[in-house]
Amino acid sequence: MIKRILLLTLAYAALMVIITLTLSQHQSFVAILLVLNSVFAVLILITLFKNFRLSKQNMNTNHHSQYKIPDDRNNFKTDAWFKISQKPFLAGLEKRLISSQDFYYDQSFFYAIDEAGNGSKYPLTDIAELSVTGTQINNNRIWQVKIFKGSEMIEYRFAHNFSIWNKNFLNFYNRVKQISPQAVKSKWSLWRM
């Protein structure tokens, strides 16, 4: 969202300079500026509203309580899970690029939960790699988590759910960096989200 607002602002500034330089002597100069300012304000408000609505939906699903995970089957006992993934849309092609699970973390574990509510639980200390990939869907970079499970390496790919209102993924990134600094292969940056 920040990138989108910055791009809108740069386009707006460029249009203002061009209009000022070319039409400043024209009679309808003020009317053109008013229209341009109104369009810019509407675009910014629409962008903020969409992001606010998506963030609110993500925050409503941050806790695991919507998922029915039987304790006797998976023995997951926690009261503070935070969702770090979202499902981007790319006309069905996203299924080939990202894992089908939703991803959560708490202070000690990383969770991969499928649509049926079944999941896997991994200690954060078992994460071998947390890195950004070269893949991007709808302005969201795809991240990967590689985890040691015995001698086997498991890999999950997902789009993070970071926003102005939702810092769960950034908190997860910092927690992994705190526990296993060598596992974090990509530097966090708002420009590389």
N, C-alpha and C. Protein backbone atom coordinates (compact mmCIF):
# COMPACT_ATOMS: atom_id res chain seq x y z
N MET A 1 0.82 -1.18 0.00
CA MET A 1 0.00 0.00 0.00
C MET A 1 0.87 1.25 0.00
N ILE A 2 1.95 1.25 0.75
CA ILE A 2 2.82 2.41 0.81
C ILE A 2 3.40 2.70 -0.57
N LYS A 3 3.78 1.65 -1.29
CA LYS A 3 4.30 1.83 -2.64
C LYS A 3 3.25 2.47 -3.53
N ARG A 4 2.01 1.99 -3.42
CA ARG A 4 0.92 2.52 -4.25
C ARG A 4 0.69 4.00 -3.95
N ILE A 5 0.70 4.37 -2.68
CA ILE A 5 0.50 5.78 -2.32
C ILE A 5 1.66 6.63 -2.82
N LEU A 6 2.89 6.12 -2.69
CA LEU A 6 4.04 6.87 -3.19
C LEU A 6 3.98 7.05 -4.70
N LEU A 7 3.58 6.00 -5.42
CA LEU A 7 3.46 6.11 -6.87
C LEU A 7 2.36 7.10 -7.26
N LEU A 8 1.22 7.05 -6.57
CA LEU A 8 0.16 8.02 -6.83
C LEU A 8 0.63 9.44 -6.56
N THR A 9 1.38 9.63 -5.48
CA THR A 9 1.88 10.95 -5.13
C THR A 9 2.88 11.46 -6.17
N LEU A 10 3.77 10.58 -6.63
CA LEU A 10 4.73 10.98 -7.66
C LEU A 10 4.03 11.33 -8.96
N ALA A 11 3.04 10.53 -9.35
CA ALA A 11 2.27 10.84 -10.57
C ALA A 11 1.54 12.16 -10.42
N TYR A 12 0.96 12.38 -9.25
CA TYR A 12 0.25 13.63 -8.97
C TYR A 12 1.21 14.81 -9.06
N ALA A 13 2.37 14.72 -8.45
CA ALA A 13 3.35 15.80 -8.48
C ALA A 13 3.80 16.09 -9.91
N ALA A 14 4.05 15.03 -10.68
CA ALA A 14 4.46 15.21 -12.08
C ALA A 14 3.36 15.92 -12.88
N LEU A 15 2.12 15.49 -12.69
CA LEU A 15 1.00 16.14 -13.39
C LEU A 15 0.87 17.61 -12.97
N MET A 16 1.04 17.90 -11.70
CA MET A 16 0.95 19.28 -11.23
C MET A 16 2.03 20.15 -11.87
N VAL A 17 3.24 19.64 -11.96
CA VAL A 17 4.33 20.41 -12.58
C VAL A 17 4.02 20.64 -14.05
N ILE A 18 3.61 19.59 -14.76
CA ILE A 18 3.31 19.72 -16.19
C ILE A 18 2.17 20.70 -16.42
N ILE A 19 1.11 20.58 -15.65
CA ILE A 19 -0.05 21.48 -15.81
C ILE A 19 0.33 22.91 -15.48
N THR A 20 1.11 23.09 -14.43
CA THR A 20 1.52 24.44 -14.04
C THR A 20 2.38 25.08 -15.13
N LEU A 21 3.29 24.31 -15.69
CA LEU A 21 4.18 24.85 -16.72
C LEU A 21 3.46 25.12 -18.04
N THR A 22 2.48 24.30 -18.37
CA THR A 22 1.83 24.44 -19.68
C THR A 22 0.54 25.23 -19.65
N LEU A 23 -0.20 25.20 -18.57
CA LEU A 23 -1.53 25.81 -18.56
C LEU A 23 -1.69 26.96 -17.57
N SER A 24 -0.63 27.46 -17.00
CA SER A 24 -0.76 28.48 -15.96
C SER A 24 -1.39 29.77 -16.48
N GLN A 25 -1.30 30.02 -17.75
CA GLN A 25 -1.88 31.23 -18.34
C GLN A 25 -3.31 31.00 -18.85
N HIS A 26 -3.74 29.76 -18.83
CA HIS A 26 -5.07 29.40 -19.34
C HIS A 26 -6.15 29.81 -18.34
N GLN A 27 -7.34 30.18 -18.84
CA GLN A 27 -8.42 30.64 -17.98
C GLN A 27 -8.93 29.56 -17.04
N SER A 28 -8.92 28.30 -17.47
CA SER A 28 -9.47 27.22 -16.65
C SER A 28 -8.39 26.52 -15.81
N PHE A 29 -7.27 27.19 -15.57
CA PHE A 29 -6.17 26.61 -14.80
C PHE A 29 -6.61 26.18 -13.40
N VAL A 30 -7.32 27.03 -12.70
CA VAL A 30 -7.77 26.73 -11.34
C VAL A 30 -8.76 25.56 -11.35
N ALA A 31 -9.66 25.53 -12.32
CA ALA A 31 -10.62 24.42 -12.41
C ALA A 31 -9.91 23.10 -12.67
N ILE A 32 -8.91 23.11 -13.51
CA ILE A 32 -8.14 21.89 -13.80
C ILE A 32 -7.43 21.42 -12.52
N LEU A 33 -6.85 22.35 -11.77
CA LEU A 33 -6.18 21.98 -10.52
C LEU A 33 -7.17 21.41 -9.52
N LEU A 34 -8.36 21.98 -9.43
CA LEU A 34 -9.38 21.46 -8.52
C LEU A 34 -9.79 20.04 -8.89
N VAL A 35 -9.97 19.79 -10.17
CA VAL A 35 -10.34 18.44 -10.63
C VAL A 35 -9.22 17.47 -10.32
N LEU A 36 -8.00 17.86 -10.63
CA LEU A 36 -6.85 16.98 -10.37
C LEU A 36 -6.71 16.69 -8.88
N ASN A 37 -6.86 17.71 -8.04
CA ASN A 37 -6.78 17.50 -6.59
C ASN A 37 -7.89 16.58 -6.09
N SER A 38 -9.09 16.75 -6.64
CA SER A 38 -10.21 15.89 -6.23
C SER A 38 -9.96 14.44 -6.63
N VAL A 39 -9.48 14.21 -7.83
CA VAL A 39 -9.19 12.84 -8.29
C VAL A 39 -8.10 12.21 -7.41
N PHE A 40 -7.07 12.98 -7.11
CA PHE A 40 -5.99 12.47 -6.26
C PHE A 40 -6.52 12.10 -4.87
N ALA A 41 -7.33 12.96 -4.29
CA ALA A 41 -7.89 12.69 -2.96
C ALA A 41 -8.75 11.44 -2.97
N VAL A 42 -9.57 11.26 -4.00
CA VAL A 42 -10.43 10.08 -4.10
C VAL A 42 -9.58 8.82 -4.24
N LEU A 43 -8.55 8.85 -5.07
CA LEU A 43 -7.67 7.67 -5.24
C LEU A 43 -6.97 7.30 -3.94
N ILE A 44 -6.50 8.29 -3.20
CA ILE A 44 -5.84 8.01 -1.91
C ILE A 44 -6.84 7.43 -0.93
N LEU A 45 -8.03 8.00 -0.86
CA LEU A 45 -9.05 7.48 0.06
C LEU A 45 -9.47 6.05 -0.30
N ILE A 46 -9.61 5.75 -1.58
CA ILE A 46 -9.96 4.39 -2.01
C ILE A 46 -8.85 3.42 -1.62
N THR A 47 -7.60 3.80 -1.84
CA THR A 47 -6.47 2.94 -1.48
C THR A 47 -6.43 2.69 0.02
N LEU A 48 -6.62 3.73 0.81
CA LEU A 48 -6.62 3.57 2.27
C LEU A 48 -7.79 2.72 2.74
N PHE A 49 -8.96 2.93 2.16
CA PHE A 49 -10.14 2.16 2.55
C PHE A 49 -9.96 0.68 2.24
N LYS A 50 -9.46 0.36 1.03
CA LYS A 50 -9.23 -1.05 0.67
C LYS A 50 -8.23 -1.69 1.61
N ASN A 51 -7.14 -0.99 1.91
CA ASN A 51 -6.13 -1.57 2.79
C ASN A 51 -6.65 -1.71 4.21
N PHE A 52 -7.43 -0.75 4.67
CA PHE A 52 -8.01 -0.83 6.00
C PHE A 52 -8.95 -2.03 6.10
N ARG A 53 -9.76 -2.23 5.07
CA ARG A 53 -10.71 -3.35 5.07
C ARG A 53 -9.97 -4.69 5.06
N LEU A 54 -8.92 -4.81 4.22
CA LEU A 54 -8.14 -6.05 4.19
C LEU A 54 -7.43 -6.29 5.52
N SER A 55 -6.88 -5.23 6.10
CA SER A 55 -6.19 -5.38 7.38
C SER A 55 -7.16 -5.79 8.48
N LYS A 56 -8.35 -5.22 8.45
CA LYS A 56 -9.35 -5.57 9.46
C LYS A 56 -9.75 -7.04 9.33
N GLN A 57 -9.89 -7.53 8.07
CA GLN A 57 -10.21 -8.94 7.86
C GLN A 57 -9.07 -9.82 8.36
N ASN A 58 -7.82 -9.43 8.08
CA ASN A 58 -6.67 -10.21 8.54
C ASN A 58 -6.58 -10.19 10.06
N MET A 59 -6.86 -9.05 10.68
CA MET A 59 -6.79 -8.98 12.14
C MET A 59 -7.90 -9.83 12.77
N ASN A 60 -9.03 -9.93 12.10
CA ASN A 60 -10.12 -10.76 12.62
C ASN A 60 -9.77 -12.24 12.54
N THR A 61 -8.86 -12.62 11.63
CA THR A 61 -8.48 -14.01 11.50
C THR A 61 -7.09 -14.28 12.03
N ASN A 62 -6.52 -13.34 12.80
CA ASN A 62 -5.17 -13.53 13.32
C ASN A 62 -5.10 -14.63 14.35
N HIS A 63 -6.12 -14.83 15.09
CA HIS A 63 -6.10 -15.82 16.16
C HIS A 63 -6.58 -17.15 15.61
N HIS A 64 -6.10 -18.22 16.15
CA HIS A 64 -6.39 -19.56 15.62
C HIS A 64 -7.78 -20.07 15.99
N SER A 65 -8.56 -19.34 16.73
CA SER A 65 -9.81 -19.87 17.24
C SER A 65 -10.80 -20.23 16.13
N GLN A 66 -10.67 -19.63 14.95
CA GLN A 66 -11.59 -19.99 13.88
C GLN A 66 -11.28 -21.39 13.33
N TYR A 67 -10.10 -21.89 13.57
CA TYR A 67 -9.71 -23.20 13.10
C TYR A 67 -9.98 -24.23 14.18
N LYS A 68 -10.61 -25.30 13.79
CA LYS A 68 -10.93 -26.37 14.74
C LYS A 68 -9.82 -27.42 14.68
N ILE A 69 -8.86 -27.28 15.58
CA ILE A 69 -7.75 -28.21 15.62
C ILE A 69 -7.93 -29.09 16.84
N PRO A 70 -8.25 -30.34 16.65
CA PRO A 70 -8.46 -31.21 17.81
C PRO A 70 -7.18 -31.37 18.62
N ASP A 71 -7.26 -31.09 19.92
CA ASP A 71 -6.07 -31.19 20.77
C ASP A 71 -5.55 -32.62 20.87
N ASP A 72 -6.44 -33.60 20.79
CA ASP A 72 -5.97 -34.97 20.92
C ASP A 72 -5.21 -35.44 19.69
N ARG A 73 -5.47 -34.80 18.53
CA ARG A 73 -4.79 -35.21 17.31
C ARG A 73 -3.45 -34.51 17.15
N ASN A 74 -3.42 -33.21 17.37
CA ASN A 74 -2.21 -32.44 17.12
C ASN A 74 -1.57 -31.89 18.38
N ASN A 75 -2.30 -31.89 19.47
CA ASN A 75 -1.79 -31.44 20.76
C ASN A 75 -1.19 -30.03 20.70
N PHE A 76 -1.88 -29.11 20.02
CA PHE A 76 -1.45 -27.72 19.97
C PHE A 76 -2.07 -27.00 21.15
N LYS A 77 -1.24 -26.47 22.02
CA LYS A 77 -1.76 -25.73 23.16
C LYS A 77 -1.07 -24.37 23.18
N THR A 78 -1.80 -23.36 22.78
CA THR A 78 -1.29 -22.01 22.80
C THR A 78 -2.46 -21.05 22.84
N ASP A 79 -2.24 -19.88 23.36
CA ASP A 79 -3.31 -18.91 23.38
C ASP A 79 -2.94 -17.64 22.65
N ALA A 80 -1.82 -17.62 21.97
CA ALA A 80 -1.40 -16.40 21.27
C ALA A 80 -0.77 -16.72 19.93
N TRP A 81 -1.55 -17.11 18.99
CA TRP A 81 -1.07 -17.32 17.63
C TRP A 81 -1.29 -16.05 16.85
N PHE A 82 -0.38 -15.75 15.95
CA PHE A 82 -0.50 -14.58 15.11
C PHE A 82 -0.35 -15.00 13.65
N LYS A 83 -1.30 -14.63 12.84
CA LYS A 83 -1.28 -14.99 11.42
C LYS A 83 -0.26 -14.12 10.69
N ILE A 84 0.56 -14.73 9.83
CA ILE A 84 1.59 -13.99 9.11
C ILE A 84 1.44 -14.12 7.59
N SER A 85 0.40 -14.80 7.13
CA SER A 85 0.25 -15.02 5.69
C SER A 85 -1.11 -14.54 5.21
N GLN A 86 -1.20 -14.37 3.90
CA GLN A 86 -2.46 -14.07 3.25
C GLN A 86 -2.47 -14.79 1.90
N LYS A 87 -3.64 -14.88 1.30
CA LYS A 87 -3.78 -15.56 0.02
C LYS A 87 -3.96 -14.51 -1.09
N PRO A 88 -2.91 -14.24 -1.86
CA PRO A 88 -3.08 -13.32 -2.98
C PRO A 88 -3.84 -14.01 -4.11
N PHE A 89 -4.41 -13.22 -5.00
CA PHE A 89 -5.18 -13.78 -6.11
C PHE A 89 -4.44 -13.54 -7.42
N LEU A 90 -4.27 -14.60 -8.20
CA LEU A 90 -3.66 -14.50 -9.53
C LEU A 90 -4.35 -15.48 -10.46
N ALA A 91 -5.68 -15.42 -10.49
CA ALA A 91 -6.50 -16.24 -11.39
C ALA A 91 -6.20 -17.74 -11.25
N GLY A 92 -5.92 -18.20 -10.06
CA GLY A 92 -5.67 -19.62 -9.83
C GLY A 92 -4.21 -20.02 -9.95
N LEU A 93 -3.38 -19.20 -10.56
CA LEU A 93 -1.96 -19.53 -10.72
C LEU A 93 -1.18 -19.43 -9.41
N GLU A 94 -1.75 -18.70 -8.44
CA GLU A 94 -1.06 -18.55 -7.16
C GLU A 94 -0.87 -19.89 -6.45
N LYS A 95 -1.73 -20.87 -6.77
CA LYS A 95 -1.62 -22.19 -6.13
C LYS A 95 -0.32 -22.88 -6.49
N ARG A 96 0.25 -22.52 -7.63
CA ARG A 96 1.53 -23.11 -8.03
C ARG A 96 2.71 -22.38 -7.40
N LEU A 97 2.46 -21.15 -6.94
CA LEU A 97 3.56 -20.32 -6.45
C LEU A 97 3.68 -20.29 -4.93
N ILE A 98 2.56 -20.54 -4.23
CA ILE A 98 2.60 -20.49 -2.77
C ILE A 98 2.01 -21.78 -2.20
N SER A 99 2.32 -22.03 -0.94
CA SER A 99 1.79 -23.19 -0.24
C SER A 99 0.31 -22.98 0.07
N SER A 100 -0.42 -24.05 0.21
CA SER A 100 -1.87 -23.95 0.41
C SER A 100 -2.26 -23.66 1.86
N GLN A 101 -1.34 -23.79 2.79
CA GLN A 101 -1.63 -23.59 4.21
C GLN A 101 -1.67 -22.10 4.57
N ASP A 102 -2.27 -21.83 5.73
CA ASP A 102 -2.14 -20.53 6.38
C ASP A 102 -1.05 -20.68 7.43
N PHE A 103 -0.30 -19.59 7.67
CA PHE A 103 0.85 -19.68 8.55
C PHE A 103 0.71 -18.75 9.75
N TYR A 104 1.08 -19.29 10.90
CA TYR A 104 0.98 -18.58 12.17
C TYR A 104 2.29 -18.77 12.93
N TYR A 105 2.46 -17.96 13.95
CA TYR A 105 3.59 -18.17 14.86
C TYR A 105 3.18 -17.73 16.26
N ASP A 106 3.92 -18.23 17.23
CA ASP A 106 3.84 -17.69 18.58
C ASP A 106 5.29 -17.49 19.03
N GLN A 107 5.53 -17.33 20.28
CA GLN A 107 6.88 -17.01 20.75
C GLN A 107 7.87 -18.15 20.55
N SER A 108 7.37 -19.37 20.39
CA SER A 108 8.29 -20.52 20.29
C SER A 108 8.10 -21.38 19.05
N PHE A 109 6.94 -21.28 18.38
CA PHE A 109 6.64 -22.21 17.30
C PHE A 109 6.12 -21.52 16.04
N PHE A 110 6.30 -22.21 14.92
CA PHE A 110 5.77 -21.83 13.62
C PHE A 110 4.73 -22.88 13.27
N TYR A 111 3.55 -22.44 12.79
CA TYR A 111 2.45 -23.35 12.51
C TYR A 111 2.04 -23.23 11.05
N ALA A 112 1.79 -24.38 10.42
CA ALA A 112 1.24 -24.44 9.07
C ALA A 112 -0.09 -25.17 9.17
N ILE A 113 -1.20 -24.47 8.90
CA ILE A 113 -2.54 -25.01 9.09
C ILE A 113 -3.25 -25.06 7.74
N ASP A 114 -3.77 -26.24 7.37
CA ASP A 114 -4.50 -26.35 6.10
C ASP A 114 -5.96 -25.96 6.29
N GLU A 115 -6.73 -25.98 5.20
CA GLU A 115 -8.13 -25.53 5.24
C GLU A 115 -9.00 -26.40 6.14
N ALA A 116 -8.64 -27.66 6.31
CA ALA A 116 -9.41 -28.56 7.15
C ALA A 116 -9.10 -28.36 8.64
N GLY A 117 -8.10 -27.54 8.95
CA GLY A 117 -7.74 -27.30 10.34
C GLY A 117 -6.63 -28.20 10.83
N ASN A 118 -6.12 -29.08 9.99
CA ASN A 118 -5.00 -29.93 10.37
C ASN A 118 -3.72 -29.14 10.17
N GLY A 119 -2.75 -29.39 11.01
CA GLY A 119 -1.55 -28.59 10.88
C GLY A 119 -0.30 -29.26 11.36
N SER A 120 0.77 -28.52 11.17
CA SER A 120 2.09 -28.94 11.63
C SER A 120 2.66 -27.84 12.50
N LYS A 121 3.42 -28.25 13.48
CA LYS A 121 4.00 -27.33 14.46
C LYS A 121 5.51 -27.54 14.46
N TYR A 122 6.26 -26.45 14.30
CA TYR A 122 7.71 -26.54 14.25
C TYR A 122 8.31 -25.52 15.22
N PRO A 123 9.32 -25.92 15.99
CA PRO A 123 10.00 -24.94 16.83
C PRO A 123 10.68 -23.88 15.96
N LEU A 124 10.67 -22.64 16.40
CA LEU A 124 11.33 -21.58 15.64
C LEU A 124 12.83 -21.84 15.50
N THR A 125 13.39 -22.59 16.44
CA THR A 125 14.82 -22.91 16.36
C THR A 125 15.13 -23.86 15.22
N ASP A 126 14.11 -24.56 14.67
CA ASP A 126 14.32 -25.48 13.55
C ASP A 126 14.26 -24.78 12.20
N ILE A 127 13.97 -23.49 12.18
CA ILE A 127 13.92 -22.77 10.91
C ILE A 127 15.34 -22.60 10.40
N ALA A 128 15.58 -23.14 9.21
CA ALA A 128 16.91 -23.07 8.61
C ALA A 128 17.06 -21.82 7.75
N GLU A 129 15.95 -21.35 7.18
CA GLU A 129 16.04 -20.18 6.31
C GLU A 129 14.71 -19.45 6.26
N LEU A 130 14.78 -18.15 6.36
CA LEU A 130 13.66 -17.25 6.13
C LEU A 130 14.16 -16.23 5.12
N SER A 131 13.58 -16.25 3.92
CA SER A 131 14.08 -15.36 2.87
C SER A 131 12.98 -14.98 1.89
N VAL A 132 13.20 -13.87 1.23
CA VAL A 132 12.28 -13.42 0.20
C VAL A 132 12.68 -14.08 -1.12
N THR A 133 11.70 -14.43 -1.93
CA THR A 133 11.98 -15.02 -3.23
C THR A 133 11.90 -13.93 -4.29
N GLY A 134 12.18 -14.27 -5.51
CA GLY A 134 12.07 -13.32 -6.61
C GLY A 134 10.66 -13.21 -7.16
N THR A 135 9.74 -14.00 -6.62
CA THR A 135 8.36 -14.02 -7.10
C THR A 135 7.54 -12.93 -6.42
N GLN A 136 6.66 -12.32 -7.19
CA GLN A 136 5.80 -11.27 -6.67
C GLN A 136 4.40 -11.46 -7.23
N ILE A 137 3.38 -11.39 -6.35
CA ILE A 137 1.97 -11.49 -6.76
C ILE A 137 1.25 -10.27 -6.23
N ASN A 138 0.64 -9.49 -7.12
CA ASN A 138 -0.12 -8.29 -6.72
C ASN A 138 0.67 -7.39 -5.77
N ASN A 139 1.88 -7.06 -6.12
CA ASN A 139 2.76 -6.21 -5.32
C ASN A 139 3.15 -6.82 -3.99
N ASN A 140 2.93 -8.09 -3.78
CA ASN A 140 3.37 -8.79 -2.57
C ASN A 140 4.48 -9.74 -2.92
N ARG A 141 5.60 -9.59 -2.27
CA ARG A 141 6.70 -10.53 -2.47
C ARG A 141 6.37 -11.84 -1.77
N ILE A 142 6.80 -12.92 -2.36
CA ILE A 142 6.61 -14.24 -1.78
C ILE A 142 7.84 -14.57 -0.93
N TRP A 143 7.58 -14.97 0.30
CA TRP A 143 8.64 -15.36 1.23
C TRP A 143 8.66 -16.87 1.36
N GLN A 144 9.80 -17.40 1.73
CA GLN A 144 9.90 -18.84 1.96
C GLN A 144 10.51 -19.10 3.32
N VAL A 145 10.03 -20.18 3.92
CA VAL A 145 10.55 -20.66 5.20
C VAL A 145 10.99 -22.09 4.96
N LYS A 146 12.25 -22.37 5.26
CA LYS A 146 12.78 -23.73 5.17
C LYS A 146 13.03 -24.21 6.58
N ILE A 147 12.53 -25.42 6.86
CA ILE A 147 12.57 -25.95 8.22
C ILE A 147 13.18 -27.34 8.21
N PHE A 148 14.06 -27.59 9.17
CA PHE A 148 14.61 -28.93 9.36
C PHE A 148 13.58 -29.77 10.10
N LYS A 149 13.25 -30.93 9.57
CA LYS A 149 12.43 -31.91 10.28
C LYS A 149 13.21 -33.22 10.23
N GLY A 150 14.00 -33.44 11.26
CA GLY A 150 14.93 -34.56 11.24
C GLY A 150 16.01 -34.28 10.21
N SER A 151 16.20 -35.21 9.27
CA SER A 151 17.18 -35.00 8.20
C SER A 151 16.52 -34.40 6.96
N GLU A 152 15.22 -34.21 7.02
CA GLU A 152 14.46 -33.70 5.88
C GLU A 152 14.32 -32.17 5.97
N MET A 153 14.30 -31.52 4.80
CA MET A 153 14.10 -30.07 4.74
C MET A 153 12.72 -29.81 4.15
N ILE A 154 11.88 -29.09 4.89
CA ILE A 154 10.52 -28.75 4.45
C ILE A 154 10.53 -27.28 4.05
N GLU A 155 9.87 -26.97 2.93
CA GLU A 155 9.82 -25.60 2.45
C GLU A 155 8.38 -25.14 2.29
N TYR A 156 8.09 -23.96 2.82
CA TYR A 156 6.79 -23.32 2.65
C TYR A 156 7.00 -21.97 2.00
N ARG A 157 6.07 -21.61 1.10
CA ARG A 157 6.10 -20.29 0.46
C ARG A 157 4.77 -19.60 0.71
N PHE A 158 4.84 -18.30 1.00
CA PHE A 158 3.61 -17.57 1.30
C PHE A 158 3.80 -16.07 1.05
N ALA A 159 2.67 -15.40 0.91
CA ALA A 159 2.66 -13.94 0.84
C ALA A 159 2.39 -13.43 2.26
N HIS A 160 3.21 -12.52 2.72
CA HIS A 160 3.04 -12.00 4.08
C HIS A 160 1.80 -11.10 4.14
N ASN A 161 1.35 -10.81 5.35
CA ASN A 161 0.18 -9.96 5.54
C ASN A 161 0.54 -8.64 6.22
N PHE A 162 1.76 -8.18 6.04
CA PHE A 162 2.21 -6.94 6.67
C PHE A 162 1.44 -5.75 6.11
N SER A 163 1.05 -4.85 6.99
CA SER A 163 0.43 -3.59 6.58
C SER A 163 0.69 -2.57 7.68
N ILE A 164 0.18 -1.38 7.50
CA ILE A 164 0.35 -0.34 8.52
C ILE A 164 -0.28 -0.78 9.83
N TRP A 165 -1.41 -1.50 9.75
CA TRP A 165 -2.14 -1.90 10.95
C TRP A 165 -1.77 -3.30 11.43
N ASN A 166 -1.13 -4.09 10.63
CA ASN A 166 -0.84 -5.47 10.98
C ASN A 166 0.67 -5.71 10.87
N LYS A 167 1.33 -5.82 12.00
CA LYS A 167 2.79 -6.00 12.04
C LYS A 167 3.19 -7.43 12.38
N ASN A 168 2.26 -8.39 12.23
CA ASN A 168 2.56 -9.77 12.62
C ASN A 168 3.76 -10.34 11.88
N PHE A 169 3.82 -10.13 10.56
CA PHE A 169 4.94 -10.72 9.82
C PHE A 169 6.26 -10.09 10.24
N LEU A 170 6.29 -8.78 10.42
CA LEU A 170 7.52 -8.12 10.86
C LEU A 170 7.93 -8.63 12.24
N ASN A 171 6.97 -8.84 13.12
CA ASN A 171 7.28 -9.39 14.45
C ASN A 171 7.83 -10.81 14.34
N PHE A 172 7.26 -11.62 13.43
CA PHE A 172 7.78 -12.97 13.18
C PHE A 172 9.21 -12.89 12.66
N TYR A 173 9.45 -12.03 11.69
CA TYR A 173 10.78 -11.84 11.12
C TYR A 173 11.79 -11.50 12.23
N ASN A 174 11.42 -10.54 13.08
CA ASN A 174 12.32 -10.13 14.17
C ASN A 174 12.52 -11.25 15.19
N ARG A 175 11.48 -12.04 15.45
CA ARG A 175 11.60 -13.15 16.41
C ARG A 175 12.55 -14.23 15.88
N VAL A 176 12.41 -14.57 14.60
CA VAL A 176 13.32 -15.55 14.00
C VAL A 176 14.75 -15.01 14.00
N LYS A 177 14.89 -13.73 13.69
CA LYS A 177 16.22 -13.11 13.69
C LYS A 177 16.84 -13.12 15.09
N GLN A 178 16.00 -12.95 16.10
CA GLN A 178 16.48 -12.98 17.48
C GLN A 178 16.92 -14.39 17.88
N ILE A 179 16.14 -15.40 17.50
CA ILE A 179 16.43 -16.78 17.88
C ILE A 179 17.55 -17.38 17.05
N SER A 180 17.48 -17.20 15.72
CA SER A 180 18.46 -17.78 14.80
C SER A 180 18.89 -16.75 13.76
N PRO A 181 19.80 -15.85 14.10
CA PRO A 181 20.18 -14.80 13.15
C PRO A 181 20.72 -15.34 11.83
N GLN A 182 21.36 -16.49 11.86
CA GLN A 182 21.92 -17.07 10.64
C GLN A 182 20.83 -17.58 9.71
N ALA A 183 19.63 -17.81 10.19
CA ALA A 183 18.54 -18.32 9.36
C ALA A 183 17.90 -17.23 8.50
N VAL A 184 18.01 -15.98 8.93
CA VAL A 184 17.40 -14.88 8.19
C VAL A 184 18.34 -14.49 7.05
N LYS A 185 17.94 -14.79 5.83
CA LYS A 185 18.79 -14.57 4.66
C LYS A 185 18.47 -13.28 3.92
N SER A 186 17.30 -12.69 4.18
CA SER A 186 16.90 -11.47 3.49
C SER A 186 16.71 -10.36 4.51
N LYS A 187 17.17 -9.18 4.13
CA LYS A 187 17.00 -8.03 5.01
C LYS A 187 15.62 -7.45 4.81
N TRP A 188 14.94 -7.11 5.92
CA TRP A 188 13.61 -6.53 5.86
C TRP A 188 13.72 -5.08 5.40
N SER A 189 12.83 -4.72 4.48
CA SER A 189 12.79 -3.36 3.99
C SER A 189 11.39 -3.10 3.46
N LEU A 190 10.85 -1.90 3.69
CA LEU A 190 9.54 -1.56 3.15
C LEU A 190 9.55 -1.60 1.63
N TRP A 191 10.68 -1.38 1.01
CA TRP A 191 10.75 -1.37 -0.45
C TRP A 191 10.80 -2.78 -1.02
N ARG A 192 11.12 -3.78 -0.19
CA ARG A 192 11.22 -5.15 -0.68
C ARG A 192 10.11 -6.03 -0.12
N MET A 193 9.04 -5.42 0.38
CA MET A 193 7.94 -6.21 0.94
C MET A 193 7.31 -6.97 -0.17
